[in-house]
Amino acid sequence: MKKRREWSNSEIRALTRGESMHYYSTGQHYYTKSDWYVWFFGNTTRYSIFHTFLLKYGEGELVSYTDLTRTEKVGAVRLKIDSVKSTIREGLALGFIDAYKSEKDRRVTVYTFNPSILEEISDYCFMMRRNRMWEAASFISNSSTESINKKLAKAGMRKEWMESISNFISKLAQTAKAAFGEDQLPNVIPLKSNQKGKSG
């Protein structure tokens, strides 16, 4: 088990206030009243199943009962097969889930999102990613403490992460300059690409 971090009272206040913003931001999208959203997010089993469906769809795969019985809900509790089956039946009846026969074994049924809700789910995912970026930027710039920011910097010090952040900031700077003028974000300097092994 990892050693527990120790926090000062000001750090605890900054962290709890910052984390609460994630909860409020989850309502910042267009589909809070959509039937699929209310259903999938209505209890911990359906919420867990939703994220398994997201992962599998993102990997170009369909969802099997095996995938769902390996899914964990709050408390690291694996979903029970009876609960999975009744939830899938309900999702099929409501038109949120589609069923197919596996190409590898026609006796096996696999599942995915109904195509009719995929555009809304994609837009929801985009807005959630946008909200997380806003949350992170707001926390680091406004709601955090210097000591927390130092810990965050140490925790994220991996070359791949730094390159990814640098790449995004470069794109953000280009967008800002196009929208607000060339003098915006003048101090943004992208990380240099690894030139090792390349001739000048």
C-alpha atoms as a PDB file:
ATOM      1  CA  MET A   1       0.000   0.000   0.000  1.00  0.00           C
ATOM      2  CA  LYS A   2       1.293   3.451  -0.908  1.00  0.00           C
ATOM      3  CA  LYS A   3       2.246   5.849   1.843  1.00  0.00           C
ATOM      4  CA  ARG A   4      -0.585   8.233   2.605  1.00  0.00           C
ATOM      5  CA  ARG A   5      -0.003  11.873   1.795  1.00  0.00           C
ATOM      6  CA  GLU A   6      -0.399  14.445   4.529  1.00  0.00           C
ATOM      7  CA  TRP A   7      -2.394  17.615   3.868  1.00  0.00           C
ATOM      8  CA  SER A   8      -2.576  21.001   5.532  1.00  0.00           C
ATOM      9  CA  ASN A   9      -5.992  22.558   6.178  1.00  0.00           C
ATOM     10  CA  SER A  10      -5.578  25.054   3.294  1.00  0.00           C
ATOM     11  CA  GLU A  11      -4.713  22.184   0.944  1.00  0.00           C
ATOM     12  CA  ILE A  12      -7.737  20.175   2.088  1.00  0.00           C
ATOM     13  CA  ARG A  13     -10.003  23.168   1.458  1.00  0.00           C
ATOM     14  CA  ALA A  14      -8.515  23.715  -2.007  1.00  0.00           C
ATOM     15  CA  LEU A  15      -8.851  20.034  -2.923  1.00  0.00           C
ATOM     16  CA  THR A  16     -12.416  19.622  -1.674  1.00  0.00           C
ATOM     17  CA  ARG A  17     -13.560  22.857  -3.328  1.00  0.00           C
ATOM     18  CA  GLY A  18     -11.850  21.879  -6.575  1.00  0.00           C
ATOM     19  CA  GLU A  19     -13.275  18.355  -6.581  1.00  0.00           C
ATOM     20  CA  SER A  20     -16.800  19.676  -6.002  1.00  0.00           C
ATOM     21  CA  MET A  21     -16.521  21.522  -9.315  1.00  0.00           C
ATOM     22  CA  HIS A  22     -16.351  18.181 -11.127  1.00  0.00           C
ATOM     23  CA  TYR A  23     -19.784  17.295  -9.766  1.00  0.00           C
ATOM     24  CA  TYR A  24     -21.277  20.604 -10.893  1.00  0.00           C
ATOM     25  CA  SER A  25     -19.628  20.389 -14.308  1.00  0.00           C
ATOM     26  CA  THR A  26     -21.158  16.983 -15.049  1.00  0.00           C
ATOM     27  CA  GLY A  27     -24.459  18.822 -15.566  1.00  0.00           C
ATOM     28  CA  GLN A  28     -22.909  21.177 -18.118  1.00  0.00           C
ATOM     29  CA  HIS A  29     -24.051  19.409 -21.279  1.00  0.00           C
ATOM     30  CA  TYR A  30     -27.145  19.344 -23.489  1.00  0.00           C
ATOM     31  CA  TYR A  31     -28.455  15.912 -22.569  1.00  0.00           C
ATOM     32  CA  THR A  32     -29.145  16.042 -18.847  1.00  0.00           C
ATOM     33  CA  LYS A  33     -32.828  15.299 -19.506  1.00  0.00           C
ATOM     34  CA  SER A  34     -32.355  12.800 -22.340  1.00  0.00           C
ATOM     35  CA  ASP A  35     -33.918   9.414 -21.637  1.00  0.00           C
ATOM     36  CA  TRP A  36     -30.667   7.504 -22.255  1.00  0.00           C
ATOM     37  CA  TYR A  37     -28.711   9.779 -19.902  1.00  0.00           C
ATOM     38  CA  VAL A  38     -31.262   9.570 -17.097  1.00  0.00           C
ATOM     39  CA  TRP A  39     -31.446   5.781 -17.471  1.00  0.00           C
ATOM     40  CA  PHE A  40     -27.712   4.992 -17.684  1.00  0.00           C
ATOM     41  CA  PHE A  41     -26.837   7.420 -14.879  1.00  0.00           C
ATOM     42  CA  GLY A  42     -29.788   6.493 -12.675  1.00  0.00           C
ATOM     43  CA  ASN A  43     -28.019   3.851 -10.577  1.00  0.00           C
ATOM     44  CA  THR A  44     -24.519   2.482 -10.036  1.00  0.00           C
ATOM     45  CA  THR A  45     -25.034  -0.709 -12.059  1.00  0.00           C
ATOM     46  CA  ARG A  46     -26.241   1.101 -15.190  1.00  0.00           C
ATOM     47  CA  TYR A  47     -23.587   3.793 -14.742  1.00  0.00           C
ATOM     48  CA  SER A  48     -20.854   1.126 -14.640  1.00  0.00           C
ATOM     49  CA  ILE A  49     -22.321  -0.660 -17.658  1.00  0.00           C
ATOM     50  CA  PHE A  50     -22.393   2.654 -19.558  1.00  0.00           C
ATOM     51  CA  HIS A  51     -18.654   3.102 -19.071  1.00  0.00           C
ATOM     52  CA  THR A  52     -17.922  -0.468 -20.148  1.00  0.00           C
ATOM     53  CA  PHE A  53     -19.934   0.221 -23.306  1.00  0.00           C
ATOM     54  CA  LEU A  54     -17.955   3.458 -23.851  1.00  0.00           C
ATOM     55  CA  LEU A  55     -14.630   1.653 -23.504  1.00  0.00           C
ATOM     56  CA  LYS A  56     -15.577  -1.211 -25.794  1.00  0.00           C
ATOM     57  CA  TYR A  57     -17.075   1.081 -28.425  1.00  0.00           C
ATOM     58  CA  GLY A  58     -13.913   3.183 -28.328  1.00  0.00           C
ATOM     59  CA  GLU A  59     -11.849   0.039 -28.957  1.00  0.00           C
ATOM     60  CA  GLY A  60     -14.107  -1.021 -31.835  1.00  0.00           C
ATOM     61  CA  GLU A  61     -15.496  -3.989 -29.917  1.00  0.00           C
ATOM     62  CA  LEU A  62     -18.899  -5.237 -28.813  1.00  0.00           C
ATOM     63  CA  VAL A  63     -19.761  -5.961 -25.185  1.00  0.00           C
ATOM     64  CA  SER A  64     -20.192  -9.507 -23.861  1.00  0.00           C
ATOM     65  CA  TYR A  65     -21.630 -10.777 -20.598  1.00  0.00           C
ATOM     66  CA  THR A  66     -18.079 -11.674 -19.589  1.00  0.00           C
ATOM     67  CA  ASP A  67     -17.052  -8.027 -19.997  1.00  0.00           C
ATOM     68  CA  LEU A  68     -19.981  -6.924 -17.861  1.00  0.00           C
ATOM     69  CA  THR A  69     -19.380  -9.428 -15.054  1.00  0.00           C
ATOM     70  CA  ARG A  70     -15.801  -8.092 -14.870  1.00  0.00           C
ATOM     71  CA  THR A  71     -17.164  -4.545 -14.529  1.00  0.00           C
ATOM     72  CA  GLU A  72     -17.038  -3.032 -11.060  1.00  0.00           C
ATOM     73  CA  LYS A  73     -19.403  -0.522  -9.527  1.00  0.00           C
ATOM     74  CA  VAL A  74     -18.874   1.704  -6.484  1.00  0.00           C
ATOM     75  CA  GLY A  75     -17.007  -0.121  -3.723  1.00  0.00           C
ATOM     76  CA  ALA A  76     -15.059  -2.288  -6.194  1.00  0.00           C
ATOM     77  CA  VAL A  77     -18.022  -4.692  -6.292  1.00  0.00           C
ATOM     78  CA  ARG A  78     -18.268  -6.757  -9.470  1.00  0.00           C
ATOM     79  CA  LEU A  79     -21.628  -6.779 -11.203  1.00  0.00           C
ATOM     80  CA  LYS A  80     -23.725  -9.898 -10.660  1.00  0.00           C
ATOM     81  CA  ILE A  81     -24.892 -11.828 -13.725  1.00  0.00           C
ATOM     82  CA  ASP A  82     -28.600 -11.624 -12.785  1.00  0.00           C
ATOM     83  CA  SER A  83     -28.347  -7.844 -12.391  1.00  0.00           C
ATOM     84  CA  VAL A  84     -26.456  -7.568 -15.687  1.00  0.00           C
ATOM     85  CA  LYS A  85     -29.037  -9.643 -17.572  1.00  0.00           C
ATOM     86  CA  SER A  86     -32.031  -7.721 -16.235  1.00  0.00           C
ATOM     87  CA  THR A  87     -30.322  -4.382 -16.961  1.00  0.00           C
ATOM     88  CA  ILE A  88     -29.447  -5.427 -20.524  1.00  0.00           C
ATOM     89  CA  ARG A  89     -33.034  -6.619 -21.112  1.00  0.00           C
ATOM     90  CA  GLU A  90     -34.360  -3.267 -19.928  1.00  0.00           C
ATOM     91  CA  GLY A  91     -31.855  -1.345 -22.067  1.00  0.00           C
ATOM     92  CA  LEU A  92     -32.881  -3.376 -25.118  1.00  0.00           C
ATOM     93  CA  ALA A  93     -36.581  -2.780 -24.453  1.00  0.00           C
ATOM     94  CA  LEU A  94     -36.000   0.968 -24.086  1.00  0.00           C
ATOM     95  CA  GLY A  95     -33.976   1.106 -27.306  1.00  0.00           C
ATOM     96  CA  PHE A  96     -30.686   2.267 -25.755  1.00  0.00           C
ATOM     97  CA  ILE A  97     -28.828  -0.995 -26.459  1.00  0.00           C
ATOM     98  CA  ASP A  98     -28.669  -3.227 -29.539  1.00  0.00           C
ATOM     99  CA  ALA A  99     -27.929  -6.974 -29.585  1.00  0.00           C
ATOM    100  CA  TYR A 100     -25.973  -8.955 -32.196  1.00  0.00           C
ATOM    101  CA  LYS A 101     -24.776 -12.510 -32.638  1.00  0.00           C
ATOM    102  CA  SER A 102     -21.022 -12.852 -32.234  1.00  0.00           C
ATOM    103  CA  GLU A 103     -19.188 -13.475 -35.503  1.00  0.00           C
ATOM    104  CA  LYS A 104     -16.829 -15.857 -33.688  1.00  0.00           C
ATOM    105  CA  ASP A 105     -19.576 -17.912 -32.059  1.00  0.00           C
ATOM    106  CA  ARG A 106     -23.194 -17.538 -33.212  1.00  0.00           C
ATOM    107  CA  ARG A 107     -24.420 -18.930 -29.894  1.00  0.00           C
ATOM    108  CA  VAL A 108     -23.051 -15.850 -28.112  1.00  0.00           C
ATOM    109  CA  THR A 109     -24.944 -12.541 -28.042  1.00  0.00           C
ATOM    110  CA  VAL A 110     -22.992  -9.294 -27.814  1.00  0.00           C
ATOM    111  CA  TYR A 111     -24.180  -5.732 -27.266  1.00  0.00           C
ATOM    112  CA  THR A 112     -23.451  -2.097 -28.085  1.00  0.00           C
ATOM    113  CA  PHE A 113     -25.160   1.296 -28.023  1.00  0.00           C
ATOM    114  CA  ASN A 114     -28.157   1.787 -30.274  1.00  0.00           C
ATOM    115  CA  PRO A 115     -26.906   3.943 -33.185  1.00  0.00           C
ATOM    116  CA  SER A 116     -29.765   6.400 -32.615  1.00  0.00           C
ATOM    117  CA  ILE A 117     -28.114   7.736 -29.438  1.00  0.00           C
ATOM    118  CA  LEU A 118     -24.462   7.629 -30.545  1.00  0.00           C
ATOM    119  CA  GLU A 119     -24.327  11.252 -31.740  1.00  0.00           C
ATOM    120  CA  GLU A 120     -25.648  12.488 -28.397  1.00  0.00           C
ATOM    121  CA  ILE A 121     -23.283  10.211 -26.472  1.00  0.00           C
ATOM    122  CA  SER A 122     -20.350  11.495 -28.544  1.00  0.00           C
ATOM    123  CA  ASP A 123     -21.340  15.103 -27.889  1.00  0.00           C
ATOM    124  CA  TYR A 124     -21.729  14.301 -24.189  1.00  0.00           C
ATOM    125  CA  CYS A 125     -18.194  12.796 -24.159  1.00  0.00           C
ATOM    126  CA  PHE A 126     -16.804  15.881 -25.901  1.00  0.00           C
ATOM    127  CA  MET A 127     -18.434  18.235 -23.417  1.00  0.00           C
ATOM    128  CA  MET A 128     -17.223  16.183 -20.463  1.00  0.00           C
ATOM    129  CA  ARG A 129     -13.659  16.361 -21.804  1.00  0.00           C
ATOM    130  CA  ARG A 130     -14.040  20.105 -22.360  1.00  0.00           C
ATOM    131  CA  ASN A 131     -15.376  20.506 -18.796  1.00  0.00           C
ATOM    132  CA  ARG A 132     -12.438  18.578 -17.329  1.00  0.00           C
ATOM    133  CA  MET A 133     -10.010  20.851 -19.156  1.00  0.00           C
ATOM    134  CA  TRP A 134     -11.784  23.916 -17.781  1.00  0.00           C
ATOM    135  CA  GLU A 135     -11.850  22.400 -14.296  1.00  0.00           C
ATOM    136  CA  ALA A 136      -8.145  21.566 -14.382  1.00  0.00           C
ATOM    137  CA  ALA A 137      -7.163  25.001 -15.675  1.00  0.00           C
ATOM    138  CA  SER A 138      -9.412  26.754 -13.158  1.00  0.00           C
ATOM    139  CA  PHE A 139      -8.161  24.628 -10.269  1.00  0.00           C
ATOM    140  CA  ILE A 140      -4.492  25.144 -11.078  1.00  0.00           C
ATOM    141  CA  SER A 141      -4.836  28.884 -11.723  1.00  0.00           C
ATOM    142  CA  ASN A 142      -7.502  29.939  -9.201  1.00  0.00           C
ATOM    143  CA  SER A 143      -8.458  27.326  -6.629  1.00  0.00           C
ATOM    144  CA  SER A 144      -5.258  25.486  -5.812  1.00  0.00           C
ATOM    145  CA  THR A 145      -2.312  26.208  -3.529  1.00  0.00           C
ATOM    146  CA  GLU A 146       1.337  26.450  -4.498  1.00  0.00           C
ATOM    147  CA  SER A 147       2.145  23.297  -2.530  1.00  0.00           C
ATOM    148  CA  ILE A 148      -0.577  21.269  -4.292  1.00  0.00           C
ATOM    149  CA  ASN A 149       0.584  22.512  -7.694  1.00  0.00           C
ATOM    150  CA  LYS A 150       4.121  21.370  -6.911  1.00  0.00           C
ATOM    151  CA  LYS A 151       2.806  17.920  -5.953  1.00  0.00           C
ATOM    152  CA  LEU A 152       0.696  17.786  -9.124  1.00  0.00           C
ATOM    153  CA  ALA A 153       3.721  18.689 -11.239  1.00  0.00           C
ATOM    154  CA  LYS A 154       5.797  15.937  -9.621  1.00  0.00           C
ATOM    155  CA  ALA A 155       2.981  13.397  -9.981  1.00  0.00           C
ATOM    156  CA  GLY A 156       2.655  14.142 -13.704  1.00  0.00           C
ATOM    157  CA  MET A 157       6.314  14.268 -14.632  1.00  0.00           C
ATOM    158  CA  ARG A 158       6.365  11.787 -17.498  1.00  0.00           C
ATOM    159  CA  LYS A 159       7.769  12.631 -20.903  1.00  0.00           C
ATOM    160  CA  GLU A 160       4.679  11.409 -22.798  1.00  0.00           C
ATOM    161  CA  TRP A 161       2.389  13.535 -20.637  1.00  0.00           C
ATOM    162  CA  MET A 162       4.569  16.600 -21.033  1.00  0.00           C
ATOM    163  CA  GLU A 163       4.651  16.198 -24.802  1.00  0.00           C
ATOM    164  CA  SER A 164       0.877  15.754 -24.890  1.00  0.00           C
ATOM    165  CA  ILE A 165       0.305  18.874 -22.771  1.00  0.00           C
ATOM    166  CA  SER A 166       2.795  20.857 -24.861  1.00  0.00           C
ATOM    167  CA  ASN A 167       1.074  19.790 -28.070  1.00  0.00           C
ATOM    168  CA  PHE A 168      -2.343  20.808 -26.765  1.00  0.00           C
ATOM    169  CA  ILE A 169      -1.095  24.166 -25.439  1.00  0.00           C
ATOM    170  CA  SER A 170       0.492  24.889 -28.830  1.00  0.00           C
ATOM    171  CA  LYS A 171      -2.860  24.265 -30.551  1.00  0.00           C
ATOM    172  CA  LEU A 172      -4.637  26.388 -27.931  1.00  0.00           C
ATOM    173  CA  ALA A 173      -2.153  29.232 -28.517  1.00  0.00           C
ATOM    174  CA  GLN A 174      -2.744  29.101 -32.280  1.00  0.00           C
ATOM    175  CA  THR A 175      -6.506  29.208 -31.749  1.00  0.00           C
ATOM    176  CA  ALA A 176      -6.224  32.097 -29.276  1.00  0.00           C
ATOM    177  CA  LYS A 177      -3.979  34.080 -31.608  1.00  0.00           C
ATOM    178  CA  ALA A 178      -6.402  33.533 -34.497  1.00  0.00           C
ATOM    179  CA  ALA A 179      -9.386  34.557 -32.378  1.00  0.00           C
ATOM    180  CA  PHE A 180      -7.921  37.401 -30.301  1.00  0.00           C
ATOM    181  CA  GLY A 181      -4.773  38.563 -32.120  1.00  0.00           C
ATOM    182  CA  GLU A 182      -1.120  37.645 -32.493  1.00  0.00           C
ATOM    183  CA  ASP A 183      -0.118  39.064 -29.127  1.00  0.00           C
ATOM    184  CA  GLN A 184      -2.172  36.546 -27.132  1.00  0.00           C
ATOM    185  CA  LEU A 185      -0.296  33.874 -25.151  1.00  0.00           C
ATOM    186  CA  PRO A 186       3.122  35.272 -26.145  1.00  0.00           C
ATOM    187  CA  ASN A 187       4.997  33.148 -23.607  1.00  0.00           C
ATOM    188  CA  VAL A 188       3.805  29.770 -24.900  1.00  0.00           C
ATOM    189  CA  ILE A 189       6.784  27.912 -26.327  1.00  0.00           C
ATOM    190  CA  PRO A 190       6.229  24.287 -27.402  1.00  0.00           C
ATOM    191  CA  LEU A 191       8.651  21.611 -26.272  1.00  0.00           C
ATOM    192  CA  LYS A 192      11.201  20.828 -28.950  1.00  0.00           C
ATOM    193  CA  SER A 193      10.647  17.566 -30.771  1.00  0.00           C
ATOM    194  CA  ASN A 194      13.189  14.858 -30.149  1.00  0.00           C
ATOM    195  CA  GLN A 195      15.710  15.420 -32.918  1.00  0.00           C
ATOM    196  CA  LYS A 196      17.988  12.550 -31.902  1.00  0.00           C
ATOM    197  CA  GLY A 197      19.067  10.498 -34.878  1.00  0.00           C
ATOM    198  CA  LYS A 198      17.949  13.127 -37.382  1.00  0.00           C
ATOM    199  CA  SER A 199      20.392  14.974 -39.557  1.00  0.00           C
ATOM    200  CA  GLY A 200      20.308  18.777 -39.490  1.00  0.00           C
END
